[in-house]
Amino acid sequence: MTRTSFFESLPGQLVVAYRQLDLTILVWIVIALALAFLTVNPVLSLLVDSFRSIADRTFTLQNYVSAFTSPVKLSAVWTTALYAAGVSILTAILAVPTAWAVSRTDMPLKGFVRVLVLGSFILPSYLGAVAWILIAGPNSGWLNIAWRYLTGFEGALINVYSFSGLVFVTALYSYAFVFVFASDGFDRLSSEMEDAANILGAGPVRTTLRITMPLVAPAIIGGMIVTFLETFTLFGTPAILALPARINVMTLELWSYFQYPVNPYGAAAYALPLIGITCLLFLLQRLYFGRKGYVTISGKTTERRLIALGKYKWVFLGYSLAVSALALGLPLVALTQAAFTTAWGRKLSFDNLTLENFRYALFENDATVNAIANTALYSSAAATLAVILSLAVAYVVARRLLPFAGTLGMLCMAPFVIPGIVIAIGFYSAYANAPFYLYGTGAIIIIAFTTRFLPIAYVNSTAGMKSLNPEMEDAVRILGGSRIRALRSVVMPLLKGSIAGSWMLVFIPAIRELSSALFLITPNTKVVSILILDYSQGANFEILSAIGLITLVASVCIYLISRLLIGRDVMLRKQ
């Protein structure tokens, strides 16, 4: 049948509809299905599995009864809540003074302080926990050895194998969240209301406490909520510090479900409330701050003047550098010392120096070589998929190409409220068995990483898409091109910087990701984060430190290359 005869055989209204149909809508439908595959199916599978019996897969409530009537598991929930709350409060203490000094004052070396905060973000928390074992382990840590030598007292000055040690170390690698939120709030705040307070006789301290801080409180609390949620679902640091100290938290309980005998259905029931906790906190934040009438940005041009601290600028600089030294400086020194020595507990001497740890890690140990290769492959593939999918969805949402375009945007952001460890269990439930059988393959880790970091790529892609005028795409279509042609010829070239930035923002966190890989790896698909965890459990800190430094150097090199190629700082850029 020819095209003409085909049209003649259709009713008149269908002919019009067919002629107006943009066949590229099939592409958008495929993208919508892929998004559901990544975000909806794992959660639904997790929900269904939570009601399945481990014996015969029939419907049961026993998984929930076992999870939330056990004193041990309920105690883990309470301990985790205290742990997350303690970390959130401590991160605010560490981050807010630094953010205020960087954004609102004349403190020197502000750019350097921002770089140090970025460094503490790049250093994985589980690697920082290992470093603090070398620094403040109760028996062999540097600080405790020095304490006993100088004072003659037995015992430890600092014990990282304690609840306070766990909170302290976790906060050091989470305060960057609060810093970014708070510094963004301080940067956006006009000086007008502060000037009015000064005119009425308020001094700098009172103005800051009564005017500035309340205005920025929503941003600070937003950062604290993100920190609370990250801590609530954190696995690496508790596995390294809490497990030896016999401090039981929820993520360790979830991990126990995957020890022999494996019980994924019980894990599903125990993990699902984490999604509810996440959604509840964000809802409470919106309800509480939705009533506030604070306005920090007006329609007219405003001036933001820096506060002259005088001699106190050195106090704030010292505080900022001290926090960075605890989070980045001392850990890097400890890891470097361990990586270049035959035995990290011995004193530093020429006969204790070696490059053998790096040679073994890079050339002799097949497990390390495979883990590095797997990490590079999975992270780059996940970054590529996340960018492609987020860019396509951002385009559909911005141009309203589908009736449910807004829903697609919500699905892209949904993983933000799904903890990484829950994503891993969800993917295990959805794709480990029939009909997919992806467990034990790299594919399940790639799609888990893609889902985990999809919100990052989507936020960046949406920001870039909003900067484009659709008239240029319309010109391509007027000249006979399709939407796909317009996307390829106009949108992609104009957004290449944003695309590259999105790729980097996904790739760098993916190479250090632990929670999403925890329940999905096998011996053949191990990644560097899991390998570091294995070495920490065997107390092989020399090889571990060498692998950690290799990962850090690679991350920094990739970041520097991205700055050269893109021409801006993709990590500290405000979205």
Protein backbone atom coordinates (compact mmCIF):
# COMPACT_ATOMS: atom_id res chain seq x y z
CA MET A 1 0.00 0.00 0.00
CA THR A 2 1.38 3.41 -0.96
CA ARG A 3 1.47 6.35 1.45
CA THR A 4 -1.30 8.11 -0.57
CA SER A 5 -3.62 5.09 -0.61
CA PHE A 6 -2.97 4.62 3.11
CA PHE A 7 -4.16 8.17 3.83
CA GLU A 8 -7.22 7.67 1.57
CA SER A 9 -8.24 4.58 3.56
CA LEU A 10 -8.33 6.50 6.88
CA PRO A 11 -11.25 8.56 8.18
CA GLY A 12 -10.77 12.31 7.81
CA GLN A 13 -10.02 13.05 11.50
CA LEU A 14 -7.47 10.24 11.67
CA VAL A 15 -5.73 11.62 8.58
CA VAL A 16 -5.31 14.99 10.30
CA ALA A 17 -4.09 13.33 13.50
CA TYR A 18 -1.62 11.17 11.60
CA ARG A 19 -0.22 14.12 9.66
CA GLN A 20 0.26 16.12 12.87
CA LEU A 21 1.87 13.22 14.72
CA ASP A 22 5.51 13.81 15.54
CA LEU A 23 7.00 10.32 15.34
CA THR A 24 9.72 11.38 17.79
CA ILE A 25 7.05 11.04 20.48
CA LEU A 26 7.96 7.34 20.42
CA VAL A 27 11.39 8.34 21.68
CA TRP A 28 9.88 10.23 24.60
CA ILE A 29 7.64 7.25 25.43
CA VAL A 30 10.67 4.95 25.47
CA ILE A 31 12.41 7.40 27.80
CA ALA A 32 9.37 7.42 30.10
CA LEU A 33 9.43 3.61 30.20
CA ALA A 34 13.17 3.63 30.96
CA LEU A 35 12.56 6.06 33.81
CA ALA A 36 9.87 3.80 35.25
CA PHE A 37 12.28 0.87 34.90
CA LEU A 38 14.87 2.74 36.97
CA THR A 39 12.72 4.34 39.66
CA VAL A 40 9.25 2.81 39.94
CA ASN A 41 9.85 -0.90 39.38
CA PRO A 42 12.49 -1.35 42.14
CA VAL A 43 10.29 0.36 44.75
CA LEU A 44 7.23 -1.67 43.76
CA SER A 45 9.29 -4.87 43.82
CA LEU A 46 10.61 -3.92 47.25
CA LEU A 47 7.05 -3.34 48.48
CA VAL A 48 5.82 -6.68 47.12
CA ASP A 49 8.81 -8.60 48.49
CA SER A 50 8.28 -7.12 51.95
CA PHE A 51 5.02 -9.13 52.14
CA ARG A 52 6.50 -12.41 50.90
CA SER A 53 7.35 -15.37 53.05
CA ILE A 54 10.94 -16.56 52.90
CA ALA A 55 9.69 -20.15 53.00
CA ASP A 56 7.23 -20.28 50.11
CA ARG A 57 6.93 -16.65 48.82
CA THR A 58 3.28 -16.44 49.92
CA PHE A 59 1.67 -13.32 51.40
CA THR A 60 2.65 -12.62 55.02
CA LEU A 61 3.05 -9.83 57.55
CA GLN A 62 5.69 -11.75 59.44
CA ASN A 63 8.55 -9.75 57.90
CA TYR A 64 7.22 -6.53 59.44
CA VAL A 65 6.43 -8.25 62.73
CA SER A 66 9.97 -9.64 62.94
CA ALA A 67 11.55 -6.34 61.91
CA PHE A 68 9.68 -4.05 64.28
CA THR A 69 9.04 -6.17 67.34
CA SER A 70 12.64 -7.32 67.77
CA PRO A 71 14.30 -5.37 70.62
CA VAL A 72 17.63 -5.49 68.77
CA LYS A 73 16.21 -4.02 65.57
CA LEU A 74 14.16 -1.38 67.38
CA SER A 75 17.24 -0.42 69.37
CA ALA A 76 19.11 -0.02 66.09
CA VAL A 77 16.44 2.43 64.86
CA TRP A 78 16.72 4.53 68.03
CA THR A 79 20.53 4.47 67.97
CA THR A 80 20.54 5.49 64.30
CA ALA A 81 18.20 8.41 65.03
CA LEU A 82 20.50 9.64 67.82
CA TYR A 83 23.53 9.12 65.60
CA ALA A 84 22.01 11.08 62.70
CA ALA A 85 20.79 13.86 64.99
CA GLY A 86 24.21 14.19 66.62
CA VAL A 87 25.94 14.36 63.25
CA SER A 88 23.48 16.98 61.97
CA ILE A 89 24.02 19.24 64.98
CA LEU A 90 27.80 18.87 64.85
CA THR A 91 27.93 19.59 61.11
CA ALA A 92 26.08 22.86 61.72
CA ILE A 93 28.62 23.79 64.41
CA LEU A 94 31.48 23.01 62.02
CA ALA A 95 30.02 24.50 58.84
CA VAL A 96 27.94 27.58 59.68
CA PRO A 97 30.73 29.78 61.13
CA THR A 98 32.95 28.89 58.17
CA ALA A 99 30.17 29.54 55.64
CA TRP A 100 29.34 32.90 57.27
CA ALA A 101 32.98 33.97 57.31
CA VAL A 102 33.50 32.95 53.67
CA SER A 103 30.33 34.60 52.37
CA ARG A 104 29.77 37.66 54.58
CA THR A 105 33.12 38.84 55.93
CA ASP A 106 36.54 40.05 54.84
CA MET A 107 38.27 36.89 56.10
CA PRO A 108 41.38 36.18 54.00
CA LEU A 109 41.97 33.00 51.93
CA LYS A 110 38.27 32.45 51.34
CA GLY A 111 38.83 30.72 47.99
CA PHE A 112 41.35 28.38 49.61
CA VAL A 113 38.87 27.48 52.35
CA ARG A 114 36.23 26.64 49.73
CA VAL A 115 38.72 24.31 48.00
CA LEU A 116 39.44 22.59 51.32
CA VAL A 117 35.72 22.05 51.89
CA LEU A 118 35.51 20.55 48.40
CA GLY A 119 38.43 18.28 49.29
CA SER A 120 36.62 16.95 52.34
CA PHE A 121 33.65 16.18 50.08
CA ILE A 122 35.79 14.28 47.56
CA LEU A 123 37.42 12.21 50.33
CA PRO A 124 34.98 9.31 50.93
CA SER A 125 33.70 9.07 54.48
CA TYR A 126 34.71 5.42 54.80
CA LEU A 127 38.27 6.30 53.76
CA GLY A 128 38.25 9.13 56.27
CA ALA A 129 37.11 6.64 58.93
CA VAL A 130 40.10 4.43 58.13
CA ALA A 131 42.40 7.45 58.40
CA TRP A 132 40.98 8.29 61.82
CA ILE A 133 41.70 4.75 62.98
CA LEU A 134 45.34 5.46 62.12
CA ILE A 135 45.14 8.84 63.90
CA ALA A 136 43.04 8.06 66.97
CA GLY A 137 42.79 4.32 67.32
CA PRO A 138 42.77 3.56 71.07
CA ASN A 139 45.96 1.50 71.00
CA SER A 140 48.05 2.50 67.98
CA GLY A 141 46.68 5.86 66.87
CA TRP A 142 49.20 8.70 66.62
CA LEU A 143 47.34 11.04 68.94
CA ASN A 144 46.94 8.45 71.67
CA ILE A 145 50.57 7.34 71.44
CA ALA A 146 51.65 10.97 71.74
CA TRP A 147 49.22 11.50 74.64
CA ARG A 148 50.62 8.56 76.60
CA TYR A 149 54.20 9.60 75.85
CA LEU A 150 53.69 13.24 76.93
CA THR A 151 51.51 12.67 79.99
CA GLY A 152 52.45 9.22 81.18
CA PHE A 153 48.77 8.38 81.59
CA GLU A 154 47.46 5.08 80.29
CA GLY A 155 44.34 4.97 78.20
CA ALA A 156 43.27 6.88 75.13
CA LEU A 157 42.73 10.61 74.72
CA ILE A 158 40.36 9.96 71.78
CA ASN A 159 38.70 6.65 70.98
CA VAL A 160 37.17 6.49 67.51
CA TYR A 161 35.62 3.14 68.42
CA SER A 162 32.89 4.86 70.45
CA PHE A 163 29.56 6.55 69.78
CA SER A 164 31.09 10.02 70.13
CA GLY A 165 33.96 9.01 67.86
CA LEU A 166 31.49 7.71 65.28
CA VAL A 167 29.52 10.99 65.37
CA PHE A 168 32.70 13.08 65.17
CA VAL A 169 34.23 11.26 62.20
CA THR A 170 30.94 11.15 60.27
CA ALA A 171 30.37 14.89 60.82
CA LEU A 172 33.80 15.70 59.38
CA TYR A 173 32.74 14.22 56.04
CA SER A 174 29.18 15.55 56.08
CA TYR A 175 29.67 19.20 57.02
CA ALA A 176 30.19 20.08 53.35
CA PHE A 177 26.43 19.62 52.82
CA VAL A 178 25.56 22.25 55.43
CA PHE A 179 28.38 24.50 54.20
CA VAL A 180 27.03 24.51 50.61
CA PHE A 181 23.45 25.21 51.74
CA ALA A 182 24.47 27.86 54.25
CA SER A 183 27.00 29.66 52.04
CA ASP A 184 24.43 29.80 49.23
CA GLY A 185 21.94 31.38 51.65
CA PHE A 186 24.48 33.91 52.91
CA ASP A 187 25.53 34.76 49.33
CA ARG A 188 21.94 35.50 48.32
CA LEU A 189 21.17 37.67 51.35
CA SER A 190 21.05 41.42 50.81
CA SER A 191 22.62 43.78 53.33
CA GLU A 192 19.57 46.05 53.54
CA MET A 193 18.03 44.54 56.68
CA GLU A 194 21.41 44.30 58.37
CA ASP A 195 21.98 47.97 57.59
CA ALA A 196 18.57 48.83 59.07
CA ALA A 197 19.48 46.95 62.26
CA ASN A 198 22.80 48.81 62.47
CA ILE A 199 21.03 52.16 62.03
CA LEU A 200 18.77 51.27 64.95
CA GLY A 201 21.81 50.65 67.15
CA ALA A 202 22.37 46.90 66.88
CA GLY A 203 26.00 45.82 66.83
CA PRO A 204 27.49 43.26 64.39
CA VAL A 205 27.02 40.32 66.78
CA ARG A 206 23.38 41.12 67.57
CA THR A 207 22.63 41.83 63.91
CA THR A 208 24.10 38.51 62.85
CA LEU A 209 22.23 36.55 65.52
CA ARG A 210 18.88 38.39 65.25
CA ILE A 211 18.73 39.23 61.54
CA THR A 212 21.17 37.26 59.40
CA MET A 213 20.86 33.83 60.98
CA PRO A 214 17.02 33.70 61.06
CA LEU A 215 16.95 34.68 57.38
CA VAL A 216 19.38 31.92 56.45
CA ALA A 217 17.87 29.37 58.88
CA PRO A 218 15.82 27.60 56.15
CA ALA A 219 18.98 26.96 54.13
CA ILE A 220 20.91 25.78 57.19
CA ILE A 221 18.14 23.45 58.31
CA GLY A 222 17.81 22.18 54.75
CA GLY A 223 21.48 21.21 54.84
CA MET A 224 21.01 19.59 58.25
CA ILE A 225 18.07 17.54 56.95
CA VAL A 226 20.14 16.29 54.02
CA THR A 227 22.92 15.43 56.47
CA PHE A 228 20.46 13.63 58.78
CA LEU A 229 19.15 11.52 55.90
CA GLU A 230 22.62 10.74 54.55
CA THR A 231 23.74 9.67 58.02
CA PHE A 232 20.61 7.62 58.64
CA THR A 233 21.42 5.47 55.59
CA LEU A 234 25.22 5.57 55.79
CA PHE A 235 26.96 2.19 55.78
CA GLY A 236 30.71 2.65 55.25
CA THR A 237 31.66 4.61 58.37
CA PRO A 238 29.47 2.50 60.73
CA ALA A 239 30.86 -0.71 59.19
CA ILE A 240 34.41 0.47 59.91
CA LEU A 241 33.89 2.13 63.31
CA ALA A 242 30.54 1.03 64.77
CA LEU A 243 30.84 -2.68 64.01
CA PRO A 244 34.05 -3.19 66.04
CA ALA A 245 32.59 -1.02 68.82
CA ARG A 246 29.36 -3.08 68.82
CA ILE A 247 27.23 -0.04 68.10
CA ASN A 248 24.19 -1.29 66.23
CA VAL A 249 22.65 0.94 63.54
CA MET A 250 20.01 0.26 60.90
CA THR A 251 22.35 -0.15 57.95
CA LEU A 252 24.33 -2.83 59.80
CA GLU A 253 21.06 -4.61 60.57
CA LEU A 254 20.14 -4.45 56.88
CA TRP A 255 23.54 -5.89 56.03
CA SER A 256 22.90 -8.79 58.44
CA TYR A 257 19.87 -9.82 56.35
CA PHE A 258 22.26 -10.60 53.49
CA GLN A 259 24.52 -12.80 55.58
CA TYR A 260 23.82 -16.51 55.58
CA PRO A 261 20.97 -17.38 55.45
CA VAL A 262 20.03 -14.56 53.05
CA ASN A 263 16.60 -13.03 53.72
CA PRO A 264 15.90 -10.28 51.16
CA TYR A 265 12.21 -10.19 52.10
CA GLY A 266 12.99 -9.30 55.70
CA ALA A 267 15.45 -6.69 54.44
CA ALA A 268 12.72 -5.19 52.24
CA ALA A 269 10.35 -4.83 55.21
CA TYR A 270 13.07 -3.27 57.37
CA ALA A 271 14.24 -0.90 54.60
CA LEU A 272 10.91 0.51 53.39
CA PRO A 273 10.34 2.77 56.44
CA LEU A 274 13.54 4.63 55.48
CA ILE A 275 11.68 6.02 52.46
CA GLY A 276 8.84 7.10 54.74
CA ILE A 277 11.25 8.82 57.13
CA THR A 278 12.85 10.67 54.23
CA CYS A 279 9.55 11.85 52.78
CA LEU A 280 8.25 12.86 56.22
CA LEU A 281 11.27 15.05 56.96
CA PHE A 282 11.02 16.86 53.64
CA LEU A 283 7.28 17.31 54.15
CA LEU A 284 7.79 18.77 57.62
CA GLN A 285 10.43 21.13 56.24
CA ARG A 286 8.06 22.37 53.51
CA LEU A 287 5.16 22.76 55.94
CA TYR A 288 7.22 24.63 58.52
CA PHE A 289 9.11 26.96 56.23
CA GLY A 290 6.14 27.39 53.91
CA ARG A 291 4.59 29.60 56.59
CA LYS A 292 7.64 31.83 56.86
CA GLY A 293 7.51 35.21 55.21
CA TYR A 294 11.22 35.86 54.90
CA VAL A 295 12.35 37.52 51.67
CA THR A 296 16.06 37.69 51.02
CA ILE A 297 16.07 38.62 47.33
CA SER A 298 14.04 41.53 46.06
CA GLY A 299 13.28 42.64 42.52
CA LYS A 300 15.48 45.69 42.70
CA THR A 301 19.25 45.84 42.69
CA THR A 302 20.66 45.24 46.16
CA GLU A 303 24.09 45.57 47.62
CA ARG A 304 25.85 42.98 49.73
CA ARG A 305 28.62 44.51 51.82
CA LEU A 306 31.24 42.45 53.59
CA ILE A 307 31.57 42.74 57.35
CA ALA A 308 34.97 43.94 58.54
CA LEU A 309 36.09 41.56 61.29
CA GLY A 310 39.29 43.35 62.22
CA LYS A 311 41.57 41.13 64.26
CA TYR A 312 38.80 38.49 64.56
CA LYS A 313 39.18 37.59 60.90
CA TRP A 314 42.23 35.56 61.92
CA VAL A 315 40.15 33.76 64.53
CA PHE A 316 37.61 32.70 61.93
CA LEU A 317 40.37 31.78 59.48
CA GLY A 318 42.01 29.67 62.16
CA TYR A 319 38.70 27.95 62.93
CA SER A 320 38.03 27.23 59.24
CA LEU A 321 41.54 25.85 58.70
CA ALA A 322 41.31 23.75 61.88
CA VAL A 323 38.09 22.11 60.68
CA SER A 324 39.67 21.46 57.28
CA ALA A 325 42.76 20.02 58.95
CA LEU A 326 40.61 17.56 60.89
CA ALA A 327 38.56 16.60 57.84
CA LEU A 328 41.28 16.60 55.19
CA GLY A 329 44.79 17.47 56.33
CA LEU A 330 45.42 14.93 59.10
CA PRO A 331 43.62 12.08 57.27
CA LEU A 332 45.68 12.63 54.11
CA VAL A 333 48.90 12.63 56.12
CA ALA A 334 47.84 9.41 57.88
CA LEU A 335 46.85 7.66 54.66
CA THR A 336 50.04 8.76 52.91
CA GLN A 337 52.21 7.55 55.79
CA ALA A 338 50.48 4.15 55.80
CA ALA A 339 50.58 3.80 52.02
CA PHE A 340 54.35 4.37 51.82
CA THR A 341 55.38 2.16 54.76
CA THR A 342 55.77 -1.57 55.27
CA ALA A 343 54.07 -1.32 58.69
CA TRP A 344 52.09 1.80 59.55
CA GLY A 345 52.39 1.27 63.30
CA ARG A 346 56.19 1.52 63.26
CA LYS A 347 57.97 4.86 63.48
CA LEU A 348 58.75 6.64 60.23
CA SER A 349 62.24 5.67 59.06
CA PHE A 350 64.01 4.89 55.79
CA ASP A 351 63.92 1.15 56.36
CA ASN A 352 60.14 1.37 56.81
CA LEU A 353 59.52 3.27 53.54
CA THR A 354 58.37 1.34 50.48
CA LEU A 355 56.56 1.56 47.16
CA GLU A 356 55.58 -2.09 47.36
CA ASN A 357 52.01 -1.31 48.42
CA PHE A 358 51.36 0.62 45.19
CA ARG A 359 53.11 -1.98 43.02
CA TYR A 360 51.11 -4.76 44.61
CA ALA A 361 47.84 -2.86 44.29
CA LEU A 362 48.35 -1.82 40.66
CA PHE A 363 50.20 -4.74 39.11
CA GLU A 364 50.16 -7.87 41.26
CA ASN A 365 46.78 -8.07 42.98
CA ASP A 366 44.20 -9.14 40.41
CA ALA A 367 41.35 -8.20 42.77
CA THR A 368 42.55 -4.59 42.96
CA VAL A 369 43.13 -4.29 39.22
CA ASN A 370 39.69 -5.72 38.48
CA ALA A 371 38.04 -3.45 41.07
CA ILE A 372 39.67 -0.35 39.59
CA ALA A 373 38.64 -1.38 36.08
CA ASN A 374 35.10 -2.18 37.23
CA THR A 375 34.81 1.14 39.06
CA ALA A 376 35.93 3.12 36.01
CA LEU A 377 33.59 1.18 33.70
CA TYR A 378 30.51 1.25 35.93
CA SER A 379 30.92 4.91 36.94
CA SER A 380 31.49 6.18 33.39
CA ALA A 381 28.61 4.11 32.02
CA ALA A 382 26.30 5.31 34.82
CA ALA A 383 27.32 8.94 34.27
CA THR A 384 26.67 8.63 30.53
CA LEU A 385 23.26 7.01 30.99
CA ALA A 386 22.24 9.50 33.69
CA VAL A 387 23.18 12.46 31.50
CA ILE A 388 21.38 11.11 28.43
CA LEU A 389 18.23 10.29 30.37
CA SER A 390 18.19 13.48 32.44
CA LEU A 391 18.79 15.68 29.40
CA ALA A 392 15.98 13.99 27.48
CA VAL A 393 13.56 14.29 30.40
CA ALA A 394 14.54 17.91 31.04
CA TYR A 395 13.84 18.63 27.36
CA VAL A 396 10.44 16.90 27.50
CA VAL A 397 9.51 18.79 30.69
CA ALA A 398 10.74 22.17 29.45
CA ARG A 399 8.95 21.85 26.08
CA ARG A 400 5.89 20.02 27.50
CA LEU A 401 6.09 17.32 24.86
CA LEU A 402 4.01 14.79 26.81
CA PRO A 403 0.85 15.26 28.89
CA PHE A 404 2.59 13.73 31.93
CA ALA A 405 5.88 15.59 31.48
CA GLY A 406 5.77 16.95 35.04
CA THR A 407 5.46 13.42 36.38
CA LEU A 408 8.64 12.46 34.52
CA GLY A 409 10.47 15.27 36.28
CA MET A 410 9.20 14.03 39.63
CA LEU A 411 10.39 10.51 38.82
CA CYS A 412 13.84 11.88 38.01
CA MET A 413 13.98 13.49 41.44
CA ALA A 414 12.45 10.51 43.26
CA PRO A 415 15.81 8.78 43.95
CA PHE A 416 16.75 11.83 46.02
CA VAL A 417 14.29 10.66 48.69
CA ILE A 418 15.22 6.97 48.30
CA PRO A 419 18.32 6.12 50.35
CA GLY A 420 21.14 4.46 48.42
CA ILE A 421 21.02 1.32 50.52
CA VAL A 422 17.26 1.02 49.83
CA ILE A 423 17.91 1.48 46.10
CA ALA A 424 20.35 -1.44 46.24
CA ILE A 425 17.85 -3.71 48.01
CA GLY A 426 15.13 -2.59 45.59
CA PHE A 427 17.25 -3.49 42.60
CA TYR A 428 18.06 -6.83 44.18
CA SER A 429 14.32 -7.49 44.57
CA ALA A 430 13.46 -6.31 41.05
CA TYR A 431 16.27 -7.63 38.87
CA ALA A 432 18.19 -10.38 40.68
CA ASN A 433 15.75 -13.12 39.70
CA ALA A 434 13.44 -13.97 36.79
CA PRO A 435 12.89 -12.61 34.23
CA PHE A 436 16.02 -10.41 34.29
CA TYR A 437 18.64 -12.43 36.21
CA LEU A 438 20.98 -9.42 36.43
CA TYR A 439 22.49 -10.30 39.81
CA GLY A 440 26.20 -10.95 39.44
CA THR A 441 26.51 -8.77 36.35
CA GLY A 442 27.89 -5.28 35.94
CA ALA A 443 24.59 -4.16 34.40
CA ILE A 444 22.71 -4.18 37.71
CA ILE A 445 25.40 -2.00 39.33
CA ILE A 446 25.41 0.43 36.39
CA ILE A 447 21.65 0.94 36.48
CA ALA A 448 21.74 1.22 40.29
CA PHE A 449 24.42 3.93 40.07
CA THR A 450 22.44 5.64 37.29
CA THR A 451 19.33 5.71 39.45
CA ARG A 452 21.22 6.83 42.57
CA PHE A 453 22.69 9.93 40.92
CA LEU A 454 19.97 10.71 38.38
CA PRO A 455 18.66 13.67 40.44
CA ILE A 456 22.08 15.37 40.27
CA ALA A 457 22.19 15.12 36.49
CA TYR A 458 18.55 16.17 36.16
CA VAL A 459 18.93 19.33 38.26
CA ASN A 460 21.95 20.37 36.20
CA SER A 461 20.24 19.53 32.88
CA THR A 462 17.09 21.44 33.88
CA ALA A 463 19.13 24.52 34.77
CA GLY A 464 20.83 24.38 31.37
CA MET A 465 17.57 23.79 29.48
CA LYS A 466 15.91 26.82 31.08
CA SER A 467 18.67 29.01 29.65
CA LEU A 468 17.79 28.07 26.04
CA ASN A 469 15.25 29.95 23.96
CA PRO A 470 13.04 27.46 22.05
CA GLU A 471 13.02 29.77 19.00
CA MET A 472 16.27 28.25 17.72
CA GLU A 473 14.74 24.77 17.78
CA ASP A 474 11.60 26.12 16.08
CA ALA A 475 13.78 27.45 13.28
CA VAL A 476 15.17 23.96 12.66
CA ARG A 477 11.66 22.51 12.54
CA ILE A 478 10.40 25.25 10.19
CA LEU A 479 13.20 24.25 7.82
CA GLY A 480 12.00 20.65 7.87
CA GLY A 481 14.05 19.15 10.68
CA SER A 482 12.64 16.89 13.41
CA ARG A 483 12.86 17.44 17.14
CA ILE A 484 15.64 14.88 17.28
CA ARG A 485 17.53 16.89 14.65
CA ALA A 486 16.95 20.09 16.63
CA LEU A 487 18.12 18.36 19.79
CA ARG A 488 21.26 17.07 18.11
CA SER A 489 22.11 20.21 16.11
CA VAL A 490 21.07 23.00 18.48
CA VAL A 491 20.49 21.88 22.04
CA MET A 492 23.45 19.53 22.46
CA PRO A 493 26.11 21.97 21.16
CA LEU A 494 24.75 24.84 23.24
CA LEU A 495 24.61 22.72 26.40
CA LYS A 496 27.93 20.91 25.98
CA GLY A 497 29.39 22.64 29.03
CA SER A 498 26.35 21.78 31.15
CA ILE A 499 26.41 18.20 29.83
CA ALA A 500 30.08 17.78 30.69
CA GLY A 501 29.45 19.27 34.13
CA SER A 502 26.55 16.87 34.73
CA TRP A 503 28.71 13.94 33.68
CA MET A 504 31.42 14.92 36.15
CA LEU A 505 28.92 15.51 38.95
CA VAL A 506 27.72 11.93 38.53
CA PHE A 507 31.05 10.25 37.78
CA ILE A 508 32.99 11.53 40.81
CA PRO A 509 30.42 10.44 43.45
CA ALA A 510 29.90 7.15 41.59
CA ILE A 511 33.55 6.08 41.88
CA ARG A 512 33.29 6.37 45.67
CA GLU A 513 29.75 4.98 46.03
CA LEU A 514 29.38 2.17 48.55
CA SER A 515 25.76 1.86 49.67
CA SER A 516 24.25 1.23 46.22
CA ALA A 517 26.83 -1.47 45.44
CA LEU A 518 26.71 -3.19 48.81
CA PHE A 519 24.07 -5.84 48.07
CA LEU A 520 24.66 -6.10 44.32
CA ILE A 521 28.32 -7.02 43.93
CA THR A 522 29.86 -10.45 43.50
CA PRO A 523 33.58 -11.38 43.57
CA ASN A 524 33.77 -10.66 39.82
CA THR A 525 32.00 -7.29 39.98
CA LYS A 526 33.64 -5.71 43.01
CA VAL A 527 34.31 -1.98 42.96
CA VAL A 528 36.99 -0.02 44.80
CA SER A 529 34.71 1.06 47.66
CA ILE A 530 33.82 -2.56 48.48
CA LEU A 531 37.48 -3.59 48.18
CA ILE A 532 38.49 -0.88 50.66
CA LEU A 533 35.82 -2.15 53.05
CA ASP A 534 37.18 -5.69 52.72
CA TYR A 535 40.74 -4.55 53.46
CA SER A 536 39.57 -2.54 56.47
CA GLN A 537 37.92 -5.61 57.97
CA GLY A 538 41.22 -7.45 57.55
CA ALA A 539 43.14 -4.50 59.10
CA ASN A 540 45.40 -4.38 56.03
CA PHE A 541 45.73 -0.59 56.23
CA GLU A 542 48.88 -0.29 54.12
CA ILE A 543 47.35 -1.74 50.94
CA LEU A 544 44.05 -0.04 51.73
CA SER A 545 45.73 3.35 52.01
CA ALA A 546 47.54 2.85 48.71
CA ILE A 547 44.26 2.01 46.95
CA GLY A 548 42.56 4.96 48.62
CA LEU A 549 45.26 7.39 47.50
CA ILE A 550 45.09 6.06 43.95
CA THR A 551 41.33 6.69 43.94
CA LEU A 552 41.73 10.18 45.39
CA VAL A 553 44.43 11.17 42.90
CA ALA A 554 42.28 9.90 40.04
CA SER A 555 39.27 11.90 41.34
CA VAL A 556 41.30 15.09 41.67
CA CYS A 557 42.83 14.67 38.20
CA ILE A 558 39.40 14.15 36.66
CA TYR A 559 38.10 17.22 38.48
CA LEU A 560 41.03 19.36 37.27
CA ILE A 561 40.62 18.13 33.70
CA SER A 562 36.93 19.02 33.87
CA ARG A 563 37.80 22.55 34.99
CA LEU A 564 40.17 22.94 32.05
CA LEU A 565 37.69 21.58 29.53
CA ILE A 566 34.56 23.27 30.86
CA GLY A 567 36.18 26.48 32.03
CA ARG A 568 34.48 26.62 35.42
CA ASP A 569 34.25 24.84 38.75
CA VAL A 570 31.54 22.21 38.28
CA MET A 571 31.64 21.07 41.92
CA LEU A 572 31.22 24.41 43.68
CA ARG A 573 28.88 25.86 41.08
CA LYS A 574 25.50 26.79 42.56
CA GLN A 575 22.55 25.10 40.91
